[in-house]
Amino acid sequence: MKPAITLLVFLAWPFTAPAQDHANGAELHGQSCTGCHDTGVYTRQPRRVNSLPALGKQVRFCRDNLGTPWFDDEVDDVILYLNRDYYRF
């Protein structure tokens, strides 16, 4: 690869990450999360989750403790779903 092309690919890399999938996040959530709790945990006061990083940490905590076989991109989809539909960070 020529240096100019390499630089262009490197600079474009952050903008070419795969898009998160809201519908997939909703489906995964329905399959794995609602067995333990309903969506009321996302709207209760006071909230345990108060930031996007905390939401990611909580989703990963649940995944790991339940042994849910989600890949990182699937975790990101669930985080997107929860944030868009409930948290709005």
N, C-alpha and C. Protein backbone atom coordinates (compact mmCIF):
# COMPACT_ATOMS: atom_id res chain seq x y z
N MET A 1 0.85 -1.18 0.00
CA MET A 1 0.00 0.00 0.00
C MET A 1 0.90 1.23 0.00
N LYS A 2 0.56 2.20 -0.79
CA LYS A 2 1.35 3.42 -0.87
C LYS A 2 1.12 4.25 0.39
N PRO A 3 2.12 5.04 0.80
CA PRO A 3 1.99 5.83 2.03
C PRO A 3 0.76 6.73 2.05
N ALA A 4 0.44 7.39 0.95
CA ALA A 4 -0.71 8.29 0.94
C ALA A 4 -2.00 7.52 1.16
N ILE A 5 -2.11 6.35 0.57
CA ILE A 5 -3.32 5.54 0.74
C ILE A 5 -3.39 5.00 2.16
N THR A 6 -2.26 4.58 2.70
CA THR A 6 -2.22 4.08 4.07
C THR A 6 -2.69 5.16 5.03
N LEU A 7 -2.23 6.38 4.84
CA LEU A 7 -2.63 7.49 5.69
C LEU A 7 -4.12 7.75 5.57
N LEU A 8 -4.65 7.69 4.35
CA LEU A 8 -6.07 7.92 4.13
C LEU A 8 -6.90 6.85 4.82
N VAL A 9 -6.50 5.58 4.71
CA VAL A 9 -7.22 4.50 5.37
C VAL A 9 -7.16 4.68 6.89
N PHE A 10 -6.00 5.03 7.42
CA PHE A 10 -5.84 5.24 8.85
C PHE A 10 -6.73 6.37 9.34
N LEU A 11 -6.78 7.47 8.60
CA LEU A 11 -7.60 8.60 9.02
C LEU A 11 -9.09 8.31 8.90
N ALA A 12 -9.49 7.47 7.96
CA ALA A 12 -10.90 7.16 7.76
C ALA A 12 -11.38 6.06 8.72
N TRP A 13 -10.46 5.31 9.33
CA TRP A 13 -10.81 4.16 10.14
C TRP A 13 -11.85 4.45 11.22
N PRO A 14 -11.76 5.51 12.01
CA PRO A 14 -12.77 5.70 13.06
C PRO A 14 -14.17 5.92 12.50
N PHE A 15 -14.27 6.35 11.26
CA PHE A 15 -15.57 6.67 10.68
C PHE A 15 -16.16 5.49 9.92
N THR A 16 -15.44 4.38 9.85
CA THR A 16 -15.93 3.22 9.11
C THR A 16 -16.32 2.08 10.03
N ALA A 17 -16.42 2.34 11.32
CA ALA A 17 -16.82 1.30 12.26
C ALA A 17 -18.24 0.85 11.93
N PRO A 18 -18.55 -0.43 12.13
CA PRO A 18 -19.89 -0.91 11.82
C PRO A 18 -20.93 -0.20 12.68
N ALA A 19 -22.06 0.05 12.08
CA ALA A 19 -23.15 0.73 12.79
C ALA A 19 -23.80 -0.23 13.77
N GLN A 20 -24.24 0.31 14.87
CA GLN A 20 -24.97 -0.49 15.84
C GLN A 20 -26.37 -0.77 15.29
N ASP A 21 -26.96 -1.84 15.75
CA ASP A 21 -28.24 -2.30 15.23
C ASP A 21 -29.28 -2.29 16.36
N HIS A 22 -30.13 -1.27 16.34
CA HIS A 22 -31.16 -1.09 17.36
C HIS A 22 -32.12 -2.28 17.40
N ALA A 23 -32.57 -2.74 16.24
CA ALA A 23 -33.52 -3.86 16.20
C ALA A 23 -32.90 -5.12 16.77
N ASN A 24 -31.65 -5.37 16.47
CA ASN A 24 -30.97 -6.53 17.02
C ASN A 24 -30.85 -6.40 18.53
N GLY A 25 -30.55 -5.20 19.02
CA GLY A 25 -30.46 -4.97 20.46
C GLY A 25 -31.79 -5.24 21.14
N ALA A 26 -32.87 -4.81 20.52
CA ALA A 26 -34.20 -5.06 21.10
C ALA A 26 -34.50 -6.55 21.14
N GLU A 27 -34.14 -7.27 20.09
CA GLU A 27 -34.38 -8.70 20.04
C GLU A 27 -33.54 -9.44 21.09
N LEU A 28 -32.26 -9.10 21.17
CA LEU A 28 -31.40 -9.73 22.17
C LEU A 28 -31.89 -9.45 23.58
N HIS A 29 -32.30 -8.21 23.81
CA HIS A 29 -32.84 -7.82 25.12
C HIS A 29 -34.06 -8.67 25.45
N GLY A 30 -34.96 -8.81 24.50
CA GLY A 30 -36.17 -9.60 24.73
C GLY A 30 -35.88 -11.06 25.01
N GLN A 31 -34.85 -11.59 24.38
CA GLN A 31 -34.49 -13.00 24.56
C GLN A 31 -33.78 -13.25 25.88
N SER A 32 -32.98 -12.30 26.33
CA SER A 32 -32.08 -12.59 27.45
C SER A 32 -32.34 -11.79 28.72
N CYS A 33 -32.85 -10.60 28.62
CA CYS A 33 -32.93 -9.72 29.79
C CYS A 33 -34.26 -9.80 30.52
N THR A 34 -35.33 -9.97 29.79
CA THR A 34 -36.65 -9.91 30.43
C THR A 34 -36.98 -11.18 31.21
N GLY A 35 -36.11 -12.17 31.17
CA GLY A 35 -36.30 -13.34 32.02
C GLY A 35 -36.01 -13.03 33.48
N CYS A 36 -35.19 -12.02 33.71
CA CYS A 36 -34.83 -11.63 35.09
C CYS A 36 -35.60 -10.41 35.57
N HIS A 37 -35.93 -9.51 34.67
CA HIS A 37 -36.61 -8.28 35.07
C HIS A 37 -37.39 -7.71 33.90
N ASP A 38 -38.35 -6.86 34.23
CA ASP A 38 -39.08 -6.17 33.17
C ASP A 38 -38.42 -4.81 32.93
N THR A 39 -38.96 -4.04 32.02
CA THR A 39 -38.35 -2.76 31.65
C THR A 39 -38.51 -1.69 32.73
N GLY A 40 -39.27 -1.96 33.77
CA GLY A 40 -39.42 -0.99 34.85
C GLY A 40 -38.12 -0.66 35.56
N VAL A 41 -37.14 -1.56 35.47
CA VAL A 41 -35.86 -1.27 36.12
C VAL A 41 -35.13 -0.12 35.44
N TYR A 42 -35.49 0.18 34.21
CA TYR A 42 -34.81 1.27 33.49
C TYR A 42 -35.41 2.63 33.78
N THR A 43 -36.61 2.65 34.32
CA THR A 43 -37.30 3.93 34.56
C THR A 43 -37.52 4.21 36.04
N ARG A 44 -37.12 3.30 36.90
CA ARG A 44 -37.35 3.50 38.33
C ARG A 44 -36.47 4.63 38.86
N GLN A 45 -36.89 5.18 39.98
CA GLN A 45 -36.13 6.23 40.65
C GLN A 45 -35.74 5.74 42.03
N PRO A 46 -34.58 5.93 42.51
CA PRO A 46 -33.45 6.49 41.76
C PRO A 46 -32.84 5.43 40.84
N ARG A 47 -32.31 5.89 39.75
CA ARG A 47 -31.67 4.99 38.79
C ARG A 47 -30.30 4.54 39.30
N ARG A 48 -29.96 3.29 39.04
CA ARG A 48 -28.62 2.78 39.35
C ARG A 48 -27.64 3.17 38.26
N VAL A 49 -28.14 3.32 37.04
CA VAL A 49 -27.31 3.65 35.88
C VAL A 49 -27.53 5.11 35.54
N ASN A 50 -26.45 5.90 35.58
CA ASN A 50 -26.58 7.34 35.36
C ASN A 50 -25.71 7.90 34.26
N SER A 51 -25.10 7.04 33.46
CA SER A 51 -24.27 7.50 32.35
C SER A 51 -24.14 6.38 31.32
N LEU A 52 -23.72 6.73 30.12
CA LEU A 52 -23.54 5.73 29.09
C LEU A 52 -22.45 4.72 29.46
N PRO A 53 -21.31 5.15 30.01
CA PRO A 53 -20.33 4.15 30.45
C PRO A 53 -20.88 3.21 31.52
N ALA A 54 -21.69 3.73 32.44
CA ALA A 54 -22.28 2.89 33.48
C ALA A 54 -23.28 1.91 32.87
N LEU A 55 -24.00 2.33 31.83
CA LEU A 55 -24.92 1.43 31.15
C LEU A 55 -24.15 0.29 30.50
N GLY A 56 -23.06 0.61 29.84
CA GLY A 56 -22.23 -0.43 29.24
C GLY A 56 -21.70 -1.40 30.27
N LYS A 57 -21.27 -0.87 31.38
CA LYS A 57 -20.74 -1.71 32.47
C LYS A 57 -21.84 -2.64 32.99
N GLN A 58 -23.04 -2.13 33.15
CA GLN A 58 -24.15 -2.93 33.67
C GLN A 58 -24.54 -4.03 32.68
N VAL A 59 -24.63 -3.70 31.40
CA VAL A 59 -24.99 -4.71 30.40
C VAL A 59 -23.93 -5.81 30.37
N ARG A 60 -22.66 -5.43 30.42
CA ARG A 60 -21.58 -6.43 30.43
C ARG A 60 -21.61 -7.27 31.71
N PHE A 61 -21.93 -6.64 32.83
CA PHE A 61 -22.05 -7.37 34.10
C PHE A 61 -23.13 -8.44 33.99
N CYS A 62 -24.29 -8.06 33.47
CA CYS A 62 -25.38 -9.02 33.32
C CYS A 62 -25.00 -10.13 32.35
N ARG A 63 -24.41 -9.76 31.21
CA ARG A 63 -23.98 -10.76 30.23
C ARG A 63 -23.03 -11.77 30.88
N ASP A 64 -22.04 -11.27 31.57
CA ASP A 64 -21.02 -12.14 32.15
C ASP A 64 -21.59 -13.03 33.26
N ASN A 65 -22.45 -12.48 34.10
CA ASN A 65 -23.00 -13.25 35.21
C ASN A 65 -24.02 -14.30 34.76
N LEU A 66 -24.68 -14.03 33.66
CA LEU A 66 -25.65 -15.00 33.15
C LEU A 66 -25.03 -15.96 32.14
N GLY A 67 -23.80 -15.67 31.72
CA GLY A 67 -23.15 -16.50 30.71
C GLY A 67 -23.78 -16.36 29.34
N THR A 68 -24.36 -15.20 29.08
CA THR A 68 -25.00 -14.94 27.79
C THR A 68 -23.93 -14.87 26.71
N PRO A 69 -24.06 -15.65 25.65
CA PRO A 69 -23.00 -15.72 24.63
C PRO A 69 -23.08 -14.59 23.61
N TRP A 70 -22.99 -13.35 24.08
CA TRP A 70 -23.01 -12.21 23.16
C TRP A 70 -21.60 -11.78 22.80
N PHE A 71 -21.42 -11.45 21.54
CA PHE A 71 -20.18 -10.82 21.10
C PHE A 71 -20.23 -9.34 21.48
N ASP A 72 -19.09 -8.66 21.40
CA ASP A 72 -19.04 -7.24 21.78
C ASP A 72 -19.99 -6.39 20.95
N ASP A 73 -20.13 -6.70 19.65
CA ASP A 73 -21.04 -5.90 18.83
C ASP A 73 -22.49 -6.12 19.24
N GLU A 74 -22.82 -7.28 19.75
CA GLU A 74 -24.18 -7.53 20.23
C GLU A 74 -24.42 -6.78 21.54
N VAL A 75 -23.42 -6.73 22.39
CA VAL A 75 -23.52 -5.93 23.62
C VAL A 75 -23.77 -4.47 23.25
N ASP A 76 -23.03 -3.98 22.26
CA ASP A 76 -23.22 -2.60 21.80
C ASP A 76 -24.63 -2.38 21.28
N ASP A 77 -25.19 -3.38 20.60
CA ASP A 77 -26.57 -3.26 20.11
C ASP A 77 -27.55 -3.14 21.26
N VAL A 78 -27.35 -3.92 22.31
CA VAL A 78 -28.25 -3.86 23.47
C VAL A 78 -28.10 -2.51 24.17
N ILE A 79 -26.88 -2.03 24.29
CA ILE A 79 -26.65 -0.71 24.90
C ILE A 79 -27.35 0.37 24.09
N LEU A 80 -27.23 0.29 22.77
CA LEU A 80 -27.91 1.26 21.90
C LEU A 80 -29.41 1.21 22.12
N TYR A 81 -29.98 0.02 22.13
CA TYR A 81 -31.42 -0.15 22.34
C TYR A 81 -31.85 0.47 23.67
N LEU A 82 -31.15 0.10 24.74
CA LEU A 82 -31.54 0.61 26.06
C LEU A 82 -31.38 2.12 26.14
N ASN A 83 -30.31 2.63 25.59
CA ASN A 83 -30.10 4.07 25.66
C ASN A 83 -31.14 4.83 24.83
N ARG A 84 -31.41 4.35 23.64
CA ARG A 84 -32.36 5.04 22.77
C ARG A 84 -33.78 4.98 23.31
N ASP A 85 -34.16 3.83 23.86
CA ASP A 85 -35.54 3.65 24.28
C ASP A 85 -35.82 4.05 25.73
N TYR A 86 -34.78 4.06 26.59
CA TYR A 86 -35.04 4.32 28.01
C TYR A 86 -34.16 5.42 28.61
N TYR A 87 -32.86 5.31 28.45
CA TYR A 87 -31.96 6.19 29.20
C TYR A 87 -31.73 7.55 28.56
N ARG A 88 -31.47 7.57 27.28
CA ARG A 88 -31.24 8.81 26.51
C ARG A 88 -30.07 9.64 27.04
N PHE A 89 -28.92 8.98 27.19
CA PHE A 89 -27.71 9.71 27.61
C PHE A 89 -27.13 10.45 26.44
